[in-house]
Amino acid sequence: MKNSSISTSTTILLLVIIGFFASPTRIKYRIFSSMETLFDLKEGSLKQAYQSVKFNASSGTSGESETHSKEAQAYFNEICLGDEYGNKYSKGDPIKHDIKIFVEGSQTDYMEEELEDIVSDLNSLIDPIEIEIVSSKSEANTFVYLGSKSGFNQNYPFIDINLNGSWGYFETRSNPKTNTTRSFIFVDMLDTDGNTIAQRSVLREELTQSLGFTNDSDKYPNSIFYQYGNTVTEYSDLDKEIIQMLYNE
């Protein structure tokens, strides 16, 4: 009878552990918060420890893995180890802290829904960090502007970029002292007026690229990183794979 009880307890413990690691990141963080309160631990200490373990236990950010096809590894290298300006990098550079998005400009219901879908998709793919939309600009580290080029320039005059001919833009600025980043994203709602698919596609592309996917490609028309189109409003299987390669390995 005793052995049976031990066996049952072990099974329950294993199921709890499996359930924890299979749960979404936001659920893990709620559990950590409850444990910090229960055991009188410093707020955020378990979350910080978890994120540190996730990144340190990974194989780095090179994306090199025997579990991925040569096609996926090549696409990872193209998208994550270079940028649109011809620069090359030795390894990928994922964001290592939670992303808090603030939106301003011409907000519409369908763009709000699209942003929520993008955030949900990313959170289902990325484990170490959590992405959320916030209502206060002071809380944010990622700023999405929906509107005209002139409006973006007025709101962010410190960004020196000529947006002529562009429907979207992202810029990520890192602070090595604090190991944090701030991203600025532009979606042109004026020149794309009436083209809701393009607006949604540009939002998904620029927001995703700000997370460390810095290059475009001419290889896969169904990819959000495709250079010659703005009609993709969901991640392809290959997109999902390289997102997970950058963040979960």
C-alpha atoms as a PDB file:
ATOM      1  CA  MET A   1       0.000   0.000   0.000  1.00  0.00           C
ATOM      2  CA  LYS A   2       2.892   2.332   0.848  1.00  0.00           C
ATOM      3  CA  ASN A   3       4.605   1.677  -2.486  1.00  0.00           C
ATOM      4  CA  SER A   4       1.334   2.414  -4.266  1.00  0.00           C
ATOM      5  CA  SER A   5       1.063   5.781  -2.487  1.00  0.00           C
ATOM      6  CA  ILE A   6       4.639   6.663  -3.408  1.00  0.00           C
ATOM      7  CA  SER A   7       3.997   5.697  -7.012  1.00  0.00           C
ATOM      8  CA  THR A   8       0.847   7.829  -7.132  1.00  0.00           C
ATOM      9  CA  SER A   9       2.637  10.807  -5.549  1.00  0.00           C
ATOM     10  CA  THR A  10       5.509  10.498  -8.030  1.00  0.00           C
ATOM     11  CA  THR A  11       3.082  10.370 -10.933  1.00  0.00           C
ATOM     12  CA  ILE A  12       1.247  13.460  -9.699  1.00  0.00           C
ATOM     13  CA  LEU A  13       4.543  15.311  -9.220  1.00  0.00           C
ATOM     14  CA  LEU A  14       5.680  14.424 -12.723  1.00  0.00           C
ATOM     15  CA  LEU A  15       2.364  15.575 -14.181  1.00  0.00           C
ATOM     16  CA  VAL A  16       2.639  18.879 -12.293  1.00  0.00           C
ATOM     17  CA  ILE A  17       6.192  19.421 -13.570  1.00  0.00           C
ATOM     18  CA  ILE A  18       5.214  18.550 -17.140  1.00  0.00           C
ATOM     19  CA  GLY A  19       2.176  20.823 -16.907  1.00  0.00           C
ATOM     20  CA  PHE A  20       4.301  23.697 -15.637  1.00  0.00           C
ATOM     21  CA  PHE A  21       6.857  23.535 -18.438  1.00  0.00           C
ATOM     22  CA  ALA A  22       4.130  23.048 -21.057  1.00  0.00           C
ATOM     23  CA  SER A  23       2.157  26.068 -19.828  1.00  0.00           C
ATOM     24  CA  PRO A  24       2.370  29.484 -21.538  1.00  0.00           C
ATOM     25  CA  THR A  25       5.025  31.850 -20.240  1.00  0.00           C
ATOM     26  CA  ARG A  26       2.460  34.212 -18.713  1.00  0.00           C
ATOM     27  CA  ILE A  27       1.081  31.320 -16.586  1.00  0.00           C
ATOM     28  CA  LYS A  28       4.587  30.470 -15.399  1.00  0.00           C
ATOM     29  CA  TYR A  29       5.085  34.095 -14.356  1.00  0.00           C
ATOM     30  CA  ARG A  30       1.830  34.100 -12.391  1.00  0.00           C
ATOM     31  CA  ILE A  31       2.979  30.972 -10.563  1.00  0.00           C
ATOM     32  CA  PHE A  32       6.339  32.614  -9.818  1.00  0.00           C
ATOM     33  CA  SER A  33       4.559  35.705  -8.489  1.00  0.00           C
ATOM     34  CA  SER A  34       2.394  33.587  -6.182  1.00  0.00           C
ATOM     35  CA  MET A  35       5.434  31.684  -4.911  1.00  0.00           C
ATOM     36  CA  GLU A  36       7.312  34.940  -4.255  1.00  0.00           C
ATOM     37  CA  THR A  37       4.399  36.177  -2.171  1.00  0.00           C
ATOM     38  CA  LEU A  38       3.981  32.851  -0.368  1.00  0.00           C
ATOM     39  CA  PHE A  39       7.655  32.512   0.565  1.00  0.00           C
ATOM     40  CA  ASP A  40       8.297  36.246   1.031  1.00  0.00           C
ATOM     41  CA  LEU A  41      10.817  36.414  -1.831  1.00  0.00           C
ATOM     42  CA  LYS A  42      11.939  39.537  -3.669  1.00  0.00           C
ATOM     43  CA  GLU A  43       9.422  40.532  -6.324  1.00  0.00           C
ATOM     44  CA  GLY A  44      10.533  39.319  -9.776  1.00  0.00           C
ATOM     45  CA  SER A  45      13.397  37.182  -8.409  1.00  0.00           C
ATOM     46  CA  LEU A  46      12.011  33.840  -9.640  1.00  0.00           C
ATOM     47  CA  LYS A  47      11.130  35.270 -13.024  1.00  0.00           C
ATOM     48  CA  GLN A  48      14.636  36.706 -13.400  1.00  0.00           C
ATOM     49  CA  ALA A  49      16.208  33.391 -12.371  1.00  0.00           C
ATOM     50  CA  TYR A  50      14.015  31.504 -14.833  1.00  0.00           C
ATOM     51  CA  GLN A  51      14.951  33.793 -17.717  1.00  0.00           C
ATOM     52  CA  SER A  52      18.645  33.466 -16.833  1.00  0.00           C
ATOM     53  CA  VAL A  53      18.440  29.674 -16.831  1.00  0.00           C
ATOM     54  CA  LYS A  54      16.584  29.641 -20.152  1.00  0.00           C
ATOM     55  CA  PHE A  55      19.254  31.710 -21.892  1.00  0.00           C
ATOM     56  CA  ASN A  56      22.292  30.183 -20.201  1.00  0.00           C
ATOM     57  CA  ALA A  57      21.130  26.628 -20.780  1.00  0.00           C
ATOM     58  CA  SER A  58      20.569  27.267 -24.462  1.00  0.00           C
ATOM     59  CA  SER A  59      23.017  26.442 -27.219  1.00  0.00           C
ATOM     60  CA  GLY A  60      23.609  30.141 -27.704  1.00  0.00           C
ATOM     61  CA  THR A  61      21.788  31.943 -30.487  1.00  0.00           C
ATOM     62  CA  SER A  62      23.502  30.605 -33.519  1.00  0.00           C
ATOM     63  CA  GLY A  63      20.509  28.531 -34.558  1.00  0.00           C
ATOM     64  CA  GLU A  64      22.777  25.628 -35.409  1.00  0.00           C
ATOM     65  CA  SER A  65      20.984  22.431 -34.428  1.00  0.00           C
ATOM     66  CA  GLU A  66      20.761  18.937 -35.763  1.00  0.00           C
ATOM     67  CA  THR A  67      17.013  19.043 -35.177  1.00  0.00           C
ATOM     68  CA  HIS A  68      16.516  21.629 -37.906  1.00  0.00           C
ATOM     69  CA  SER A  69      16.708  21.171 -41.634  1.00  0.00           C
ATOM     70  CA  LYS A  70      19.435  22.800 -43.700  1.00  0.00           C
ATOM     71  CA  GLU A  71      16.714  24.992 -45.198  1.00  0.00           C
ATOM     72  CA  ALA A  72      15.726  26.305 -41.750  1.00  0.00           C
ATOM     73  CA  GLN A  73      19.321  26.861 -40.690  1.00  0.00           C
ATOM     74  CA  ALA A  74      20.073  28.722 -43.925  1.00  0.00           C
ATOM     75  CA  TYR A  75      16.979  30.901 -43.513  1.00  0.00           C
ATOM     76  CA  PHE A  76      17.885  31.615 -39.898  1.00  0.00           C
ATOM     77  CA  ASN A  77      21.348  32.720 -40.975  1.00  0.00           C
ATOM     78  CA  GLU A  78      19.909  34.963 -43.676  1.00  0.00           C
ATOM     79  CA  ILE A  79      17.280  36.636 -41.483  1.00  0.00           C
ATOM     80  CA  CYS A  80      19.058  36.759 -38.107  1.00  0.00           C
ATOM     81  CA  LEU A  81      22.732  37.092 -38.997  1.00  0.00           C
ATOM     82  CA  GLY A  82      22.430  40.080 -41.304  1.00  0.00           C
ATOM     83  CA  ASP A  83      20.317  43.163 -41.888  1.00  0.00           C
ATOM     84  CA  GLU A  84      18.791  45.189 -44.701  1.00  0.00           C
ATOM     85  CA  TYR A  85      21.877  47.420 -44.881  1.00  0.00           C
ATOM     86  CA  GLY A  86      24.355  44.633 -45.638  1.00  0.00           C
ATOM     87  CA  ASN A  87      25.783  44.236 -42.142  1.00  0.00           C
ATOM     88  CA  LYS A  88      26.710  40.714 -40.985  1.00  0.00           C
ATOM     89  CA  TYR A  89      26.712  39.267 -37.472  1.00  0.00           C
ATOM     90  CA  SER A  90      28.375  36.251 -35.897  1.00  0.00           C
ATOM     91  CA  LYS A  91      25.308  35.255 -33.874  1.00  0.00           C
ATOM     92  CA  GLY A  92      21.665  36.101 -33.425  1.00  0.00           C
ATOM     93  CA  ASP A  93      20.610  38.751 -30.936  1.00  0.00           C
ATOM     94  CA  PRO A  94      17.277  38.038 -29.231  1.00  0.00           C
ATOM     95  CA  ILE A  95      15.699  40.499 -26.813  1.00  0.00           C
ATOM     96  CA  LYS A  96      16.418  39.271 -23.288  1.00  0.00           C
ATOM     97  CA  HIS A  97      13.653  41.048 -21.413  1.00  0.00           C
ATOM     98  CA  ASP A  98       9.874  41.288 -21.627  1.00  0.00           C
ATOM     99  CA  ILE A  99       8.392  43.408 -24.392  1.00  0.00           C
ATOM    100  CA  LYS A 100       5.827  46.057 -23.460  1.00  0.00           C
ATOM    101  CA  ILE A 101       4.134  47.635 -26.477  1.00  0.00           C
ATOM    102  CA  PHE A 102       2.498  51.056 -26.539  1.00  0.00           C
ATOM    103  CA  VAL A 103       0.470  52.119 -29.591  1.00  0.00           C
ATOM    104  CA  GLU A 104      -0.245  55.646 -30.717  1.00  0.00           C
ATOM    105  CA  GLY A 105      -1.507  57.380 -33.818  1.00  0.00           C
ATOM    106  CA  SER A 106      -4.416  56.253 -35.997  1.00  0.00           C
ATOM    107  CA  GLN A 107      -5.724  53.345 -33.969  1.00  0.00           C
ATOM    108  CA  THR A 108      -8.470  51.232 -35.515  1.00  0.00           C
ATOM    109  CA  ASP A 109     -10.328  48.154 -34.334  1.00  0.00           C
ATOM    110  CA  TYR A 110      -8.844  45.903 -37.007  1.00  0.00           C
ATOM    111  CA  MET A 111      -5.269  47.027 -36.280  1.00  0.00           C
ATOM    112  CA  GLU A 112      -5.862  46.546 -32.566  1.00  0.00           C
ATOM    113  CA  GLU A 113      -7.108  43.029 -33.263  1.00  0.00           C
ATOM    114  CA  GLU A 114      -4.147  42.356 -35.553  1.00  0.00           C
ATOM    115  CA  LEU A 115      -1.689  43.471 -32.891  1.00  0.00           C
ATOM    116  CA  GLU A 116      -3.382  41.221 -30.344  1.00  0.00           C
ATOM    117  CA  ASP A 117      -3.115  38.309 -32.786  1.00  0.00           C
ATOM    118  CA  ILE A 118       0.587  39.002 -33.398  1.00  0.00           C
ATOM    119  CA  VAL A 119       1.310  39.181 -29.678  1.00  0.00           C
ATOM    120  CA  SER A 120      -0.599  35.944 -29.095  1.00  0.00           C
ATOM    121  CA  ASP A 121       1.267  34.204 -31.927  1.00  0.00           C
ATOM    122  CA  LEU A 122       4.644  35.349 -30.638  1.00  0.00           C
ATOM    123  CA  ASN A 123       3.894  34.358 -27.045  1.00  0.00           C
ATOM    124  CA  SER A 124       2.922  30.889 -28.219  1.00  0.00           C
ATOM    125  CA  LEU A 125       6.268  30.550 -30.017  1.00  0.00           C
ATOM    126  CA  ILE A 126       8.661  32.321 -27.642  1.00  0.00           C
ATOM    127  CA  ASP A 127       9.276  30.925 -24.182  1.00  0.00           C
ATOM    128  CA  PRO A 128      11.905  32.999 -22.307  1.00  0.00           C
ATOM    129  CA  ILE A 129      10.157  36.382 -22.519  1.00  0.00           C
ATOM    130  CA  GLU A 130       6.598  37.684 -22.418  1.00  0.00           C
ATOM    131  CA  ILE A 131       5.136  40.204 -24.867  1.00  0.00           C
ATOM    132  CA  GLU A 132       2.213  42.414 -23.874  1.00  0.00           C
ATOM    133  CA  ILE A 133       0.368  45.569 -24.895  1.00  0.00           C
ATOM    134  CA  VAL A 134       0.342  48.348 -22.298  1.00  0.00           C
ATOM    135  CA  SER A 135      -1.824  51.436 -21.967  1.00  0.00           C
ATOM    136  CA  SER A 136       0.838  53.710 -20.468  1.00  0.00           C
ATOM    137  CA  LYS A 137       3.706  55.050 -22.548  1.00  0.00           C
ATOM    138  CA  SER A 138       5.917  55.232 -19.459  1.00  0.00           C
ATOM    139  CA  GLU A 139       5.650  51.438 -19.052  1.00  0.00           C
ATOM    140  CA  ALA A 140       6.618  50.672 -22.639  1.00  0.00           C
ATOM    141  CA  ASN A 141       9.887  49.695 -24.260  1.00  0.00           C
ATOM    142  CA  THR A 142       8.400  49.204 -27.732  1.00  0.00           C
ATOM    143  CA  PHE A 143       6.537  52.049 -29.409  1.00  0.00           C
ATOM    144  CA  VAL A 144       4.248  51.462 -32.379  1.00  0.00           C
ATOM    145  CA  TYR A 145       3.173  54.490 -34.396  1.00  0.00           C
ATOM    146  CA  LEU A 146       0.265  54.088 -36.839  1.00  0.00           C
ATOM    147  CA  GLY A 147      -0.071  57.102 -39.086  1.00  0.00           C
ATOM    148  CA  SER A 148       1.776  59.297 -41.548  1.00  0.00           C
ATOM    149  CA  LYS A 149       5.501  59.623 -42.139  1.00  0.00           C
ATOM    150  CA  SER A 150       5.439  63.227 -40.947  1.00  0.00           C
ATOM    151  CA  GLY A 151       3.581  62.183 -37.803  1.00  0.00           C
ATOM    152  CA  PHE A 152       6.200  59.565 -37.006  1.00  0.00           C
ATOM    153  CA  ASN A 153       9.008  62.067 -37.557  1.00  0.00           C
ATOM    154  CA  GLN A 154       7.297  64.579 -35.277  1.00  0.00           C
ATOM    155  CA  ASN A 155       6.778  62.023 -32.528  1.00  0.00           C
ATOM    156  CA  TYR A 156      10.303  60.623 -32.753  1.00  0.00           C
ATOM    157  CA  PRO A 157      12.540  63.453 -34.067  1.00  0.00           C
ATOM    158  CA  PHE A 158      15.667  61.694 -32.782  1.00  0.00           C
ATOM    159  CA  ILE A 159      15.236  58.967 -35.405  1.00  0.00           C
ATOM    160  CA  ASP A 160      17.060  60.194 -38.493  1.00  0.00           C
ATOM    161  CA  ILE A 161      15.604  58.202 -41.372  1.00  0.00           C
ATOM    162  CA  ASN A 162      14.134  59.032 -44.776  1.00  0.00           C
ATOM    163  CA  LEU A 163      10.867  57.119 -44.987  1.00  0.00           C
ATOM    164  CA  ASN A 164      10.018  58.058 -48.566  1.00  0.00           C
ATOM    165  CA  GLY A 165       8.850  54.982 -50.428  1.00  0.00           C
ATOM    166  CA  SER A 166       8.503  52.943 -47.237  1.00  0.00           C
ATOM    167  CA  TRP A 167       5.274  51.625 -45.736  1.00  0.00           C
ATOM    168  CA  GLY A 168       6.972  50.514 -42.560  1.00  0.00           C
ATOM    169  CA  TYR A 169      10.087  50.864 -40.470  1.00  0.00           C
ATOM    170  CA  PHE A 170      11.600  49.581 -37.253  1.00  0.00           C
ATOM    171  CA  GLU A 171      14.578  50.660 -35.214  1.00  0.00           C
ATOM    172  CA  THR A 172      15.870  48.972 -32.074  1.00  0.00           C
ATOM    173  CA  ARG A 173      18.238  50.792 -29.748  1.00  0.00           C
ATOM    174  CA  SER A 174      20.216  48.894 -27.112  1.00  0.00           C
ATOM    175  CA  ASN A 175      21.607  50.119 -23.817  1.00  0.00           C
ATOM    176  CA  PRO A 176      24.609  47.911 -22.934  1.00  0.00           C
ATOM    177  CA  LYS A 177      24.761  49.295 -19.385  1.00  0.00           C
ATOM    178  CA  THR A 178      21.267  48.094 -18.519  1.00  0.00           C
ATOM    179  CA  ASN A 179      21.070  45.278 -21.092  1.00  0.00           C
ATOM    180  CA  THR A 180      17.753  46.667 -22.284  1.00  0.00           C
ATOM    181  CA  THR A 181      16.353  47.754 -25.621  1.00  0.00           C
ATOM    182  CA  ARG A 182      13.815  50.237 -26.923  1.00  0.00           C
ATOM    183  CA  SER A 183      12.154  49.691 -30.284  1.00  0.00           C
ATOM    184  CA  PHE A 184      10.333  52.176 -32.500  1.00  0.00           C
ATOM    185  CA  ILE A 185       7.957  50.881 -35.166  1.00  0.00           C
ATOM    186  CA  PHE A 186       6.188  52.765 -37.927  1.00  0.00           C
ATOM    187  CA  VAL A 187       3.252  51.633 -40.048  1.00  0.00           C
ATOM    188  CA  ASP A 188       2.160  54.030 -42.796  1.00  0.00           C
ATOM    189  CA  MET A 189      -1.634  54.327 -42.543  1.00  0.00           C
ATOM    190  CA  LEU A 190      -1.834  57.228 -45.002  1.00  0.00           C
ATOM    191  CA  ASP A 191      -0.185  55.854 -48.139  1.00  0.00           C
ATOM    192  CA  THR A 192      -1.830  52.472 -47.477  1.00  0.00           C
ATOM    193  CA  ASP A 193      -5.276  53.948 -46.794  1.00  0.00           C
ATOM    194  CA  GLY A 194      -7.915  51.337 -47.634  1.00  0.00           C
ATOM    195  CA  ASN A 195      -5.376  48.526 -47.983  1.00  0.00           C
ATOM    196  CA  THR A 196      -6.013  46.832 -44.666  1.00  0.00           C
ATOM    197  CA  ILE A 197      -4.126  43.662 -45.607  1.00  0.00           C
ATOM    198  CA  ALA A 198      -0.968  45.660 -46.307  1.00  0.00           C
ATOM    199  CA  GLN A 199      -1.336  47.578 -43.052  1.00  0.00           C
ATOM    200  CA  ARG A 200      -1.724  44.362 -41.040  1.00  0.00           C
ATOM    201  CA  SER A 201       1.169  42.719 -42.879  1.00  0.00           C
ATOM    202  CA  VAL A 202       3.516  45.650 -42.310  1.00  0.00           C
ATOM    203  CA  LEU A 203       2.653  45.715 -38.607  1.00  0.00           C
ATOM    204  CA  ARG A 204       3.433  42.008 -38.240  1.00  0.00           C
ATOM    205  CA  GLU A 205       6.657  42.266 -40.219  1.00  0.00           C
ATOM    206  CA  GLU A 206       8.097  45.332 -38.482  1.00  0.00           C
ATOM    207  CA  LEU A 207       7.164  44.225 -34.979  1.00  0.00           C
ATOM    208  CA  THR A 208       8.662  40.773 -35.569  1.00  0.00           C
ATOM    209  CA  GLN A 209      11.816  42.190 -37.091  1.00  0.00           C
ATOM    210  CA  SER A 210      12.321  44.416 -34.052  1.00  0.00           C
ATOM    211  CA  LEU A 211      12.772  41.249 -31.979  1.00  0.00           C
ATOM    212  CA  GLY A 212      16.029  40.338 -33.713  1.00  0.00           C
ATOM    213  CA  PHE A 213      14.901  39.258 -37.198  1.00  0.00           C
ATOM    214  CA  THR A 214      16.686  42.082 -38.906  1.00  0.00           C
ATOM    215  CA  ASN A 215      16.818  41.069 -42.553  1.00  0.00           C
ATOM    216  CA  ASP A 216      14.450  40.570 -45.489  1.00  0.00           C
ATOM    217  CA  SER A 217      14.589  37.774 -48.031  1.00  0.00           C
ATOM    218  CA  ASP A 218      13.459  37.183 -51.594  1.00  0.00           C
ATOM    219  CA  LYS A 219      13.173  33.399 -51.169  1.00  0.00           C
ATOM    220  CA  TYR A 220       9.735  32.647 -49.715  1.00  0.00           C
ATOM    221  CA  PRO A 221       6.651  34.674 -50.767  1.00  0.00           C
ATOM    222  CA  ASN A 222       4.614  33.189 -47.875  1.00  0.00           C
ATOM    223  CA  SER A 223       7.136  34.405 -45.280  1.00  0.00           C
ATOM    224  CA  ILE A 224       6.557  37.549 -43.224  1.00  0.00           C
ATOM    225  CA  PHE A 225      10.156  38.470 -44.069  1.00  0.00           C
ATOM    226  CA  TYR A 226       9.547  38.395 -47.838  1.00  0.00           C
ATOM    227  CA  GLN A 227      11.120  41.444 -49.419  1.00  0.00           C
ATOM    228  CA  TYR A 228       8.702  42.069 -52.286  1.00  0.00           C
ATOM    229  CA  GLY A 229       5.238  41.956 -50.805  1.00  0.00           C
ATOM    230  CA  ASN A 230       2.914  43.101 -48.061  1.00  0.00           C
ATOM    231  CA  THR A 231       0.140  40.533 -48.180  1.00  0.00           C
ATOM    232  CA  VAL A 232       1.284  38.028 -45.537  1.00  0.00           C
ATOM    233  CA  THR A 233      -0.699  38.272 -42.298  1.00  0.00           C
ATOM    234  CA  GLU A 234       0.411  35.084 -40.548  1.00  0.00           C
ATOM    235  CA  TYR A 235       3.673  33.290 -39.911  1.00  0.00           C
ATOM    236  CA  SER A 236       4.697  30.497 -42.250  1.00  0.00           C
ATOM    237  CA  ASP A 237       5.981  27.232 -40.783  1.00  0.00           C
ATOM    238  CA  LEU A 238       9.509  28.350 -41.628  1.00  0.00           C
ATOM    239  CA  ASP A 239       8.933  31.707 -39.922  1.00  0.00           C
ATOM    240  CA  LYS A 240       7.757  29.922 -36.778  1.00  0.00           C
ATOM    241  CA  GLU A 241      10.776  27.659 -36.836  1.00  0.00           C
ATOM    242  CA  ILE A 242      13.371  30.417 -37.013  1.00  0.00           C
ATOM    243  CA  ILE A 243      11.547  32.430 -34.337  1.00  0.00           C
ATOM    244  CA  GLN A 244      11.851  29.446 -32.025  1.00  0.00           C
ATOM    245  CA  MET A 245      15.464  28.874 -33.064  1.00  0.00           C
ATOM    246  CA  LEU A 246      16.424  32.399 -32.030  1.00  0.00           C
ATOM    247  CA  TYR A 247      14.580  32.428 -28.719  1.00  0.00           C
ATOM    248  CA  ASN A 248      14.157  28.898 -27.431  1.00  0.00           C
ATOM    249  CA  GLU A 249      17.537  27.334 -28.130  1.00  0.00           C
END
